[in-house]
C-alpha atoms as a PDB file:
ATOM      1  CA  MET A   1    -191.373  93.745  39.856  1.00  0.00           C
ATOM      2  CA  SER A   2    -191.640  96.710  37.514  1.00  0.00           C
ATOM      3  CA  VAL A   3    -189.715  97.005  34.279  1.00  0.00           C
ATOM      4  CA  MET A   4    -187.564  99.845  35.613  1.00  0.00           C
ATOM      5  CA  LYS A   5    -186.607  97.856  38.703  1.00  0.00           C
ATOM      6  CA  ARG A   6    -185.712  94.849  36.579  1.00  0.00           C
ATOM      7  CA  LEU A   7    -183.609  96.983  34.251  1.00  0.00           C
ATOM      8  CA  SER A   8    -181.909  98.596  37.239  1.00  0.00           C
ATOM      9  CA  LEU A   9    -181.167  95.171  38.744  1.00  0.00           C
ATOM     10  CA  ILE A  10    -179.804  93.855  35.440  1.00  0.00           C
ATOM     11  CA  PHE A  11    -177.649  96.940  34.998  1.00  0.00           C
ATOM     12  CA  ARG A  12    -176.242  96.687  38.528  1.00  0.00           C
ATOM     13  CA  SER A  13    -175.537  92.963  38.157  1.00  0.00           C
ATOM     14  CA  LYS A  14    -173.755  93.452  34.840  1.00  0.00           C
ATOM     15  CA  ALA A  15    -171.827  96.435  36.186  1.00  0.00           C
ATOM     16  CA  ASN A  16    -170.829  94.429  39.267  1.00  0.00           C
ATOM     17  CA  LYS A  17    -169.670  91.553  37.076  1.00  0.00           C
ATOM     18  CA  ALA A  18    -167.678  93.907  34.850  1.00  0.00           C
ATOM     19  CA  LEU A  19    -166.092  95.562  37.876  1.00  0.00           C
ATOM     20  CA  ASP A  20    -165.249  92.170  39.336  1.00  0.00           C
ATOM     21  CA  ARG A  21    -163.431  91.208  36.135  1.00  0.00           C
ATOM     22  CA  ALA A  22    -161.621  94.538  36.003  1.00  0.00           C
ATOM     23  CA  GLU A  23    -160.652  94.531  39.678  1.00  0.00           C
ATOM     24  CA  ASP A  24    -157.145  93.465  40.574  1.00  0.00           C
ATOM     25  CA  PRO A  25    -156.989  92.355  44.253  1.00  0.00           C
ATOM     26  CA  ARG A  26    -153.362  93.449  44.471  1.00  0.00           C
ATOM     27  CA  GLU A  27    -154.234  96.996  43.479  1.00  0.00           C
ATOM     28  CA  THR A  28    -157.146  97.020  45.941  1.00  0.00           C
ATOM     29  CA  LEU A  29    -154.882  95.854  48.772  1.00  0.00           C
ATOM     30  CA  ASP A  30    -152.266  98.466  47.919  1.00  0.00           C
ATOM     31  CA  TYR A  31    -154.931 101.165  47.897  1.00  0.00           C
ATOM     32  CA  SER A  32    -156.274 100.026  51.282  1.00  0.00           C
ATOM     33  CA  TYR A  33    -152.765 100.005  52.715  1.00  0.00           C
ATOM     34  CA  GLN A  34    -152.180 103.508  51.377  1.00  0.00           C
ATOM     35  CA  ARG A  35    -155.371 104.747  53.054  1.00  0.00           C
ATOM     36  CA  GLN A  36    -154.297 103.213  56.349  1.00  0.00           C
ATOM     37  CA  LEU A  37    -150.922 104.934  56.071  1.00  0.00           C
ATOM     38  CA  GLU A  38    -152.705 108.220  55.479  1.00  0.00           C
ATOM     39  CA  LEU A  39    -154.858 107.638  58.575  1.00  0.00           C
ATOM     40  CA  LEU A  40    -151.788 106.750  60.623  1.00  0.00           C
ATOM     41  CA  SER A  41    -150.119 109.917  59.399  1.00  0.00           C
ATOM     42  CA  LYS A  42    -153.121 111.955  60.546  1.00  0.00           C
ATOM     43  CA  VAL A  43    -152.988 110.341  63.991  1.00  0.00           C
ATOM     44  CA  ARG A  44    -149.283 111.127  64.219  1.00  0.00           C
ATOM     45  CA  ARG A  45    -149.954 114.739  63.302  1.00  0.00           C
ATOM     46  CA  GLY A  46    -152.663 114.829  65.966  1.00  0.00           C
ATOM     47  CA  VAL A  47    -150.221 113.497  68.556  1.00  0.00           C
ATOM     48  CA  ALA A  48    -147.680 116.093  67.487  1.00  0.00           C
ATOM     49  CA  ASP A  49    -150.270 118.891  67.729  1.00  0.00           C
ATOM     50  CA  VAL A  50    -151.354 117.824  71.221  1.00  0.00           C
ATOM     51  CA  ALA A  51    -147.744 117.485  72.320  1.00  0.00           C
ATOM     52  CA  THR A  52    -147.035 120.959  70.974  1.00  0.00           C
ATOM     53  CA  SER A  53    -150.005 122.421  72.879  1.00  0.00           C
ATOM     54  CA  ARG A  54    -148.936 120.635  76.045  1.00  0.00           C
ATOM     55  CA  LYS A  55    -145.421 121.985  75.650  1.00  0.00           C
ATOM     56  CA  ARG A  56    -146.746 125.506  75.146  1.00  0.00           C
ATOM     57  CA  VAL A  57    -148.827 125.247  78.330  1.00  0.00           C
ATOM     58  CA  GLU A  58    -145.769 124.030  80.199  1.00  0.00           C
ATOM     59  CA  LEU A  59    -143.836 127.078  79.025  1.00  0.00           C
ATOM     60  CA  GLN A  60    -146.649 129.369  80.094  1.00  0.00           C
ATOM     61  CA  ILE A  61    -146.795 127.727  83.519  1.00  0.00           C
ATOM     62  CA  LYS A  62    -143.068 128.185  83.943  1.00  0.00           C
ATOM     63  CA  GLN A  63    -143.279 131.834  82.939  1.00  0.00           C
ATOM     64  CA  LEU A  64    -146.141 132.449  85.370  1.00  0.00           C
ATOM     65  CA  GLU A  65    -144.318 130.613  88.124  1.00  0.00           C
ATOM     66  CA  THR A  66    -141.268 132.784  87.444  1.00  0.00           C
ATOM     67  CA  GLN A  67    -143.425 135.923  87.656  1.00  0.00           C
ATOM     68  CA  SER A  68    -145.095 134.644  90.823  1.00  0.00           C
ATOM     69  CA  ALA A  69    -141.741 134.034  92.442  1.00  0.00           C
ATOM     70  CA  LYS A  70    -140.668 137.508  91.424  1.00  0.00           C
ATOM     71  CA  LEU A  71    -143.784 139.090  92.953  1.00  0.00           C
ATOM     72  CA  GLN A  72    -143.182 137.069  96.100  1.00  0.00           C
ATOM     73  CA  GLY A  73    -139.729 138.553  96.339  1.00  0.00           C
ATOM     74  CA  GLN A  74    -141.030 142.054  95.700  1.00  0.00           C
ATOM     75  CA  ALA A  75    -143.625 141.645  98.442  1.00  0.00           C
ATOM     76  CA  GLU A  76    -140.957 140.550 100.889  1.00  0.00           C
ATOM     77  CA  LYS A  77    -138.786 143.517  99.990  1.00  0.00           C
ATOM     78  CA  ALA A  78    -141.749 145.880 100.367  1.00  0.00           C
ATOM     79  CA  ILE A  79    -142.466 144.514 103.829  1.00  0.00           C
ATOM     80  CA  ALA A  80    -138.808 144.967 104.704  1.00  0.00           C
ATOM     81  CA  ALA A  81    -139.025 148.554 103.461  1.00  0.00           C
ATOM     82  CA  ASP A  82    -142.208 149.056 105.488  1.00  0.00           C
ATOM     83  CA  ARG A  83    -144.227 149.436 102.325  1.00  0.00           C
ATOM     84  CA  GLU A  84    -147.239 147.318 103.117  1.00  0.00           C
ATOM     85  CA  ASP A  85    -149.202 148.776 100.240  1.00  0.00           C
ATOM     86  CA  LEU A  86    -146.618 147.615  97.706  1.00  0.00           C
ATOM     87  CA  ALA A  87    -146.412 144.274  99.397  1.00  0.00           C
ATOM     88  CA  ARG A  88    -150.203 143.894  99.206  1.00  0.00           C
ATOM     89  CA  GLU A  89    -150.192 144.818  95.487  1.00  0.00           C
ATOM     90  CA  ALA A  90    -147.449 142.301  94.778  1.00  0.00           C
ATOM     91  CA  LEU A  91    -149.274 139.566  96.668  1.00  0.00           C
ATOM     92  CA  THR A  92    -152.530 140.393  94.871  1.00  0.00           C
ATOM     93  CA  ARG A  93    -150.838 139.991  91.481  1.00  0.00           C
ATOM     94  CA  LYS A  94    -149.224 136.826  92.674  1.00  0.00           C
ATOM     95  CA  SER A  95    -152.627 135.463  93.639  1.00  0.00           C
ATOM     96  CA  GLY A  96    -153.922 136.146  90.120  1.00  0.00           C
ATOM     97  CA  LEU A  97    -150.936 134.399  88.632  1.00  0.00           C
ATOM     98  CA  THR A  98    -151.503 131.461  90.944  1.00  0.00           C
ATOM     99  CA  THR A  99    -155.067 131.120  89.632  1.00  0.00           C
ATOM    100  CA  GLN A 100    -153.798 131.189  86.049  1.00  0.00           C
ATOM    101  CA  ILE A 101    -151.134 128.652  86.906  1.00  0.00           C
ATOM    102  CA  GLN A 102    -153.711 126.309  88.382  1.00  0.00           C
ATOM    103  CA  ASP A 103    -155.920 126.627  85.298  1.00  0.00           C
ATOM    104  CA  LEU A 104    -152.959 125.963  83.032  1.00  0.00           C
ATOM    105  CA  GLN A 105    -151.985 122.961  85.107  1.00  0.00           C
ATOM    106  CA  VAL A 106    -155.480 121.525  84.675  1.00  0.00           C
ATOM    107  CA  GLN A 107    -155.262 122.190  80.936  1.00  0.00           C
ATOM    108  CA  HIS A 108    -151.791 120.648  80.879  1.00  0.00           C
ATOM    109  CA  ALA A 109    -153.089 117.523  82.594  1.00  0.00           C
ATOM    110  CA  ASN A 110    -155.930 117.227  80.060  1.00  0.00           C
ATOM    111  CA  LEU A 111    -153.544 117.673  77.151  1.00  0.00           C
ATOM    112  CA  GLN A 112    -151.169 115.143  78.601  1.00  0.00           C
ATOM    113  CA  GLY A 113    -153.988 112.629  79.013  1.00  0.00           C
ATOM    114  CA  GLU A 114    -155.169 113.288  75.438  1.00  0.00           C
ATOM    115  CA  GLU A 115    -151.645 112.892  74.187  1.00  0.00           C
ATOM    116  CA  GLU A 116    -151.255 109.563  75.942  1.00  0.00           C
ATOM    117  CA  LYS A 117    -154.514 108.336  74.388  1.00  0.00           C
ATOM    118  CA  LEU A 118    -153.405 109.420  70.922  1.00  0.00           C
ATOM    119  CA  VAL A 119    -150.007 107.831  71.371  1.00  0.00           C
ATOM    120  CA  LEU A 120    -151.683 104.576  72.415  1.00  0.00           C
ATOM    121  CA  ALA A 121    -154.070 104.798  69.442  1.00  0.00           C
ATOM    122  CA  GLN A 122    -151.129 105.502  67.154  1.00  0.00           C
ATOM    123  CA  GLN A 123    -149.261 102.459  68.431  1.00  0.00           C
ATOM    124  CA  ARG A 124    -152.301 100.221  67.967  1.00  0.00           C
ATOM    125  CA  LEU A 125    -152.998 101.606  64.506  1.00  0.00           C
ATOM    126  CA  GLN A 126    -149.364 101.231  63.530  1.00  0.00           C
ATOM    127  CA  THR A 127    -149.430  97.601  64.692  1.00  0.00           C
ATOM    128  CA  LYS A 128    -152.565  96.981  62.598  1.00  0.00           C
ATOM    129  CA  VAL A 129    -151.040  98.692  59.578  1.00  0.00           C
ATOM    130  CA  GLU A 130    -147.873  96.612  59.842  1.00  0.00           C
ATOM    131  CA  SER A 131    -149.930  93.453  60.247  1.00  0.00           C
ATOM    132  CA  PHE A 132    -152.074  94.444  57.260  1.00  0.00           C
ATOM    133  CA  ARG A 133    -148.955  95.127  55.208  1.00  0.00           C
ATOM    134  CA  THR A 134    -147.572  91.653  55.991  1.00  0.00           C
ATOM    135  CA  ARG A 135    -150.883  90.011  55.177  1.00  0.00           C
ATOM    136  CA  LYS A 136    -151.218  92.157  52.048  1.00  0.00           C
ATOM    137  CA  GLU A 137    -147.861  91.054  50.723  1.00  0.00           C
ATOM    138  CA  THR A 138    -148.684  87.430  51.484  1.00  0.00           C
ATOM    139  CA  ILE A 139    -152.024  87.656  49.677  1.00  0.00           C
ATOM    140  CA  LYS A 140    -150.409  89.418  46.728  1.00  0.00           C
ATOM    141  CA  ALA A 141    -147.711  86.759  46.500  1.00  0.00           C
ATOM    142  CA  ASN A 142    -150.299  83.958  46.630  1.00  0.00           C
ATOM    143  CA  TYR A 143    -152.471  85.699  44.052  1.00  0.00           C
ATOM    144  CA  THR A 144    -149.516  86.231  41.740  1.00  0.00           C
ATOM    145  CA  ALA A 145    -148.511  82.575  42.097  1.00  0.00           C
ATOM    146  CA  ALA A 146    -152.095  81.413  41.464  1.00  0.00           C
ATOM    147  CA  GLU A 147    -152.354  83.706  38.448  1.00  0.00           C
ATOM    148  CA  ALA A 148    -149.092  82.385  37.029  1.00  0.00           C
ATOM    149  CA  GLN A 149    -150.195  78.800  37.653  1.00  0.00           C
ATOM    150  CA  THR A 150    -153.511  79.493  35.938  1.00  0.00           C
ATOM    151  CA  ARG A 151    -151.783  80.986  32.911  1.00  0.00           C
ATOM    152  CA  ILE A 152    -149.381  78.048  32.741  1.00  0.00           C
ATOM    153  CA  GLY A 153    -152.324  75.646  32.965  1.00  0.00           C
ATOM    154  CA  GLU A 154    -154.158  77.484  30.206  1.00  0.00           C
ATOM    155  CA  ALA A 155    -150.999  77.508  28.078  1.00  0.00           C
ATOM    156  CA  MET A 156    -150.463  73.793  28.672  1.00  0.00           C
ATOM    157  CA  SER A 157    -154.087  73.122  27.788  1.00  0.00           C
ATOM    158  CA  GLY A 158    -153.667  75.032  24.548  1.00  0.00           C
ATOM    159  CA  ILE A 159    -150.440  73.173  23.821  1.00  0.00           C
ATOM    160  CA  GLY A 160    -152.193  69.875  24.515  1.00  0.00           C
ATOM    161  CA  GLU A 161    -154.971  70.665  22.045  1.00  0.00           C
ATOM    162  CA  GLU A 162    -152.479  71.859  19.450  1.00  0.00           C
ATOM    163  CA  MET A 163    -150.305  68.776  19.937  1.00  0.00           C
ATOM    164  CA  GLY A 164    -153.395  66.635  19.426  1.00  0.00           C
ATOM    165  CA  ASP A 165    -153.970  68.283  16.040  1.00  0.00           C
ATOM    166  CA  VAL A 166    -150.281  67.910  15.222  1.00  0.00           C
ATOM    167  CA  GLY A 167    -150.458  64.236  16.160  1.00  0.00           C
ATOM    168  CA  LEU A 168    -153.378  63.690  13.780  1.00  0.00           C
ATOM    169  CA  ALA A 169    -151.480  65.469  11.003  1.00  0.00           C
ATOM    170  CA  ILE A 170    -148.418  63.312  11.651  1.00  0.00           C
ATOM    171  CA  GLN A 171    -150.550  60.174  11.594  1.00  0.00           C
ATOM    172  CA  ARG A 172    -152.096  61.175   8.262  1.00  0.00           C
ATOM    173  CA  ALA A 173    -148.660  61.945   6.840  1.00  0.00           C
ATOM    174  CA  GLU A 174    -147.329  58.568   7.986  1.00  0.00           C
ATOM    175  CA  ASP A 175    -150.330  56.778   6.471  1.00  0.00           C
ATOM    176  CA  LYS A 176    -149.857  58.544   3.141  1.00  0.00           C
ATOM    177  CA  THR A 177    -146.123  57.824   3.209  1.00  0.00           C
ATOM    178  CA  ALA A 178    -146.738  54.132   3.878  1.00  0.00           C
ATOM    179  CA  GLN A 179    -149.306  54.044   1.069  1.00  0.00           C
ATOM    180  CA  MET A 180    -146.899  55.676  -1.377  1.00  0.00           C
ATOM    181  CA  GLN A 181    -144.097  53.318  -0.349  1.00  0.00           C
ATOM    182  CA  ALA A 182    -146.359  50.300  -0.876  1.00  0.00           C
ATOM    183  CA  ARG A 183    -147.391  51.587  -4.296  1.00  0.00           C
ATOM    184  CA  ALA A 184    -143.792  52.258  -5.280  1.00  0.00           C
ATOM    185  CA  GLY A 185    -142.807  48.742  -4.182  1.00  0.00           C
ATOM    186  CA  ALA A 186    -145.633  47.203  -6.180  1.00  0.00           C
ATOM    187  CA  ILE A 187    -144.630  49.157  -9.292  1.00  0.00           C
ATOM    188  CA  ASP A 188    -141.004  48.063  -8.874  1.00  0.00           C
ATOM    189  CA  GLU A 189    -142.097  44.434  -8.633  1.00  0.00           C
ATOM    190  CA  LEU A 190    -144.238  44.739 -11.789  1.00  0.00           C
ATOM    191  CA  ILE A 191    -141.401  46.411 -13.682  1.00  0.00           C
ATOM    192  CA  ALA A 192    -138.950  43.750 -12.501  1.00  0.00           C
ATOM    193  CA  SER A 193    -141.280  40.977 -13.595  1.00  0.00           C
ATOM    194  CA  GLY A 194    -141.778  42.609 -17.011  1.00  0.00           C
ATOM    195  CA  ALA A 195    -145.502  42.929 -16.497  1.00  0.00           C
ATOM    196  CA  LEU A 196    -145.179  46.691 -16.550  1.00  0.00           C
ATOM    197  CA  ASP A 197    -142.678  48.605 -18.659  1.00  0.00           C
ATOM    198  CA  ASP A 198    -141.859  52.213 -18.806  1.00  0.00           C
ATOM    199  CA  ALA A 199    -144.282  54.120 -21.048  1.00  0.00           C
ATOM    200  CA  SER A 200    -141.500  55.680 -23.113  1.00  0.00           C
ATOM    201  CA  SER A 201    -139.847  52.287 -23.521  1.00  0.00           C
ATOM    202  CA  LEU A 202    -143.138  50.779 -24.597  1.00  0.00           C
ATOM    203  CA  ASN A 203    -143.723  53.471 -27.189  1.00  0.00           C
ATOM    204  CA  ALA A 204    -140.195  53.157 -28.528  1.00  0.00           C
ATOM    205  CA  GLY A 205    -140.526  49.381 -28.549  1.00  0.00           C
ATOM    206  CA  ASP A 206    -143.803  49.567 -30.438  1.00  0.00           C
ATOM    207  CA  ASP A 207    -142.264  51.773 -33.139  1.00  0.00           C
ATOM    208  CA  ILE A 208    -139.231  49.500 -33.551  1.00  0.00           C
ATOM    209  CA  ALA A 209    -141.405  46.384 -33.507  1.00  0.00           C
ATOM    210  CA  ARG A 210    -143.609  47.847 -36.221  1.00  0.00           C
ATOM    211  CA  GLU A 211    -140.561  48.683 -38.322  1.00  0.00           C
ATOM    212  CA  LEU A 212    -139.100  45.196 -37.763  1.00  0.00           C
ATOM    213  CA  ASP A 213    -142.420  43.570 -38.606  1.00  0.00           C
ATOM    214  CA  ALA A 214    -142.699  45.635 -41.761  1.00  0.00           C
ATOM    215  CA  LEU A 215    -139.102  44.812 -42.695  1.00  0.00           C
ATOM    216  CA  SER A 216    -139.640  41.140 -41.951  1.00  0.00           C
ATOM    217  CA  SER A 217    -142.828  41.141 -44.002  1.00  0.00           C
ATOM    218  CA  THR A 218    -141.072  42.833 -46.884  1.00  0.00           C
ATOM    219  CA  SER A 219    -138.192  40.392 -46.595  1.00  0.00           C
ATOM    220  CA  ASP A 220    -140.571  37.459 -46.551  1.00  0.00           C
ATOM    221  CA  VAL A 221    -142.341  38.772 -49.619  1.00  0.00           C
ATOM    222  CA  GLU A 222    -139.059  39.290 -51.451  1.00  0.00           C
ATOM    223  CA  SER A 223    -137.809  35.843 -50.411  1.00  0.00           C
ATOM    224  CA  GLU A 224    -141.017  34.194 -51.500  1.00  0.00           C
ATOM    225  CA  LEU A 225    -140.979  36.140 -54.727  1.00  0.00           C
ATOM    226  CA  ALA A 226    -137.389  35.152 -55.379  1.00  0.00           C
ATOM    227  CA  ARG A 227    -138.198  31.549 -54.575  1.00  0.00           C
ATOM    228  CA  LEU A 228    -141.098  31.588 -56.886  1.00  0.00           C
ATOM    229  CA  LYS A 229    -139.044  33.260 -59.572  1.00  0.00           C
ATOM    230  CA  GLY A 230    -136.339  30.692 -59.111  1.00  0.00           C
ATOM    231  CA  SER A 231    -138.805  27.866 -59.314  1.00  0.00           C
ATOM    232  CA  SER A 232    -140.193  29.310 -62.544  1.00  0.00           C
ATOM    233  CA  LYS A 233    -136.821  29.032 -64.374  1.00  0.00           C
ATOM    234  CA  PRO A 234    -136.055  25.995 -66.519  1.00  0.00           C
ATOM    235  CA  GLN A 235    -134.420  23.385 -64.373  1.00  0.00           C
ATOM    236  CA  ALA A 236    -132.402  20.499 -65.498  1.00  0.00           C
ATOM    237  CA  ILE A 237    -134.120  17.217 -64.933  1.00  0.00           C
ATOM    238  CA  GLU A 238    -131.960  14.633 -63.606  1.00  0.00           C
ATOM    239  CA  ALA A 239    -132.117  12.030 -66.223  1.00  0.00           C
ATOM    240  CA  GLY A 240    -129.837   9.955 -68.015  1.00  0.00           C
ATOM    241  CA  ASP A 241    -130.111  11.873 -71.288  1.00  0.00           C
ATOM    242  CA  GLY A 242    -130.423  15.532 -69.796  1.00  0.00           C
ATOM    243  CA  ASP A 243    -133.554  16.493 -71.799  1.00  0.00           C
ATOM    244  CA  ILE A 244    -134.907  20.088 -71.399  1.00  0.00           C
ATOM    245  CA  LEU A 245    -138.544  20.823 -70.631  1.00  0.00           C
ATOM    246  CA  ALA A 246    -140.621  21.624 -73.570  1.00  0.00           C
ATOM    247  CA  ASP A 247    -141.641  25.220 -74.200  1.00  0.00           C
ATOM    248  CA  SER A 248    -145.294  24.394 -73.720  1.00  0.00           C
ATOM    249  CA  GLU A 249    -144.740  23.097 -70.216  1.00  0.00           C
ATOM    250  CA  ARG A 250    -142.667  26.164 -69.231  1.00  0.00           C
ATOM    251  CA  GLN A 251    -145.335  28.466 -70.536  1.00  0.00           C
ATOM    252  CA  ALA A 252    -147.980  26.580 -68.615  1.00  0.00           C
ATOM    253  CA  ILE A 253    -146.003  26.940 -65.378  1.00  0.00           C
ATOM    254  CA  GLU A 254    -145.467  30.667 -65.886  1.00  0.00           C
ATOM    255  CA  ARG A 255    -149.121  31.128 -66.591  1.00  0.00           C
ATOM    256  CA  GLU A 256    -150.038  29.369 -63.351  1.00  0.00           C
ATOM    257  CA  ILE A 257    -147.660  31.571 -61.371  1.00  0.00           C
ATOM    258  CA  SER A 258    -148.948  34.762 -62.874  1.00  0.00           C
ATOM    259  CA  GLU A 259    -152.548  33.689 -62.266  1.00  0.00           C
ATOM    260  CA  GLY A 260    -151.806  32.758 -58.658  1.00  0.00           C
ATOM    261  CA  GLY A 261    -152.237  29.021 -58.910  1.00  0.00           C
ATOM    262  CA  PRO A 262    -153.262  26.169 -61.130  1.00  0.00           C
ATOM    263  CA  ALA A 263    -156.195  26.808 -63.434  1.00  0.00           C
END
């Protein structure tokens, strides 16, 4: 197969496929029905034309028959008037009219036969057109129903796919919600048990604790200092005579305190 033939075949196949997609069977059926109506109308006009011609021939036959009867009467009157020549002329004309009448009668019979054939063809064509119209409407209704069903199926398929995605999103949201709820519950349990405090509370607590520790340390130092100072003062020795410590002993004690311990 040559390249041109292959290209021609490919082009025709693609064009046929494109036409098939673009074709609407309902429009094609309506167009075919319209063409059949046009053909039926032409047949009806043909019947009317033949009937008109037949009627015209009938009128001509009647006119010739009237003239023939008139010539017959004239011939009889001429014979009565002893005018044989006029009678012969009248009969001669009548004979010519008779020939024309016979020819018109033959033509009338042919037209009548043609008219009957056309009428019969018209009736048959009209029956076919009516049958085609009924079948056309049935096919169109079935096609419309099938098209609607197809669109509904496609829509439902799309909804099914979309609902599947929505279901996955819902599942992920539920999983995240459950995870957050579990985490929140765990944090509440830790806070309730004291294992986990609020960050702001912890910071505030640390500051206060440091201040309290510093204050307690200062207080301890002052208390110890006061105690030591108090212990460095001369104390009365419980004795029977109430003697006072000697100055040398007091000085020795003060020296030990200031030096931080015994020498």
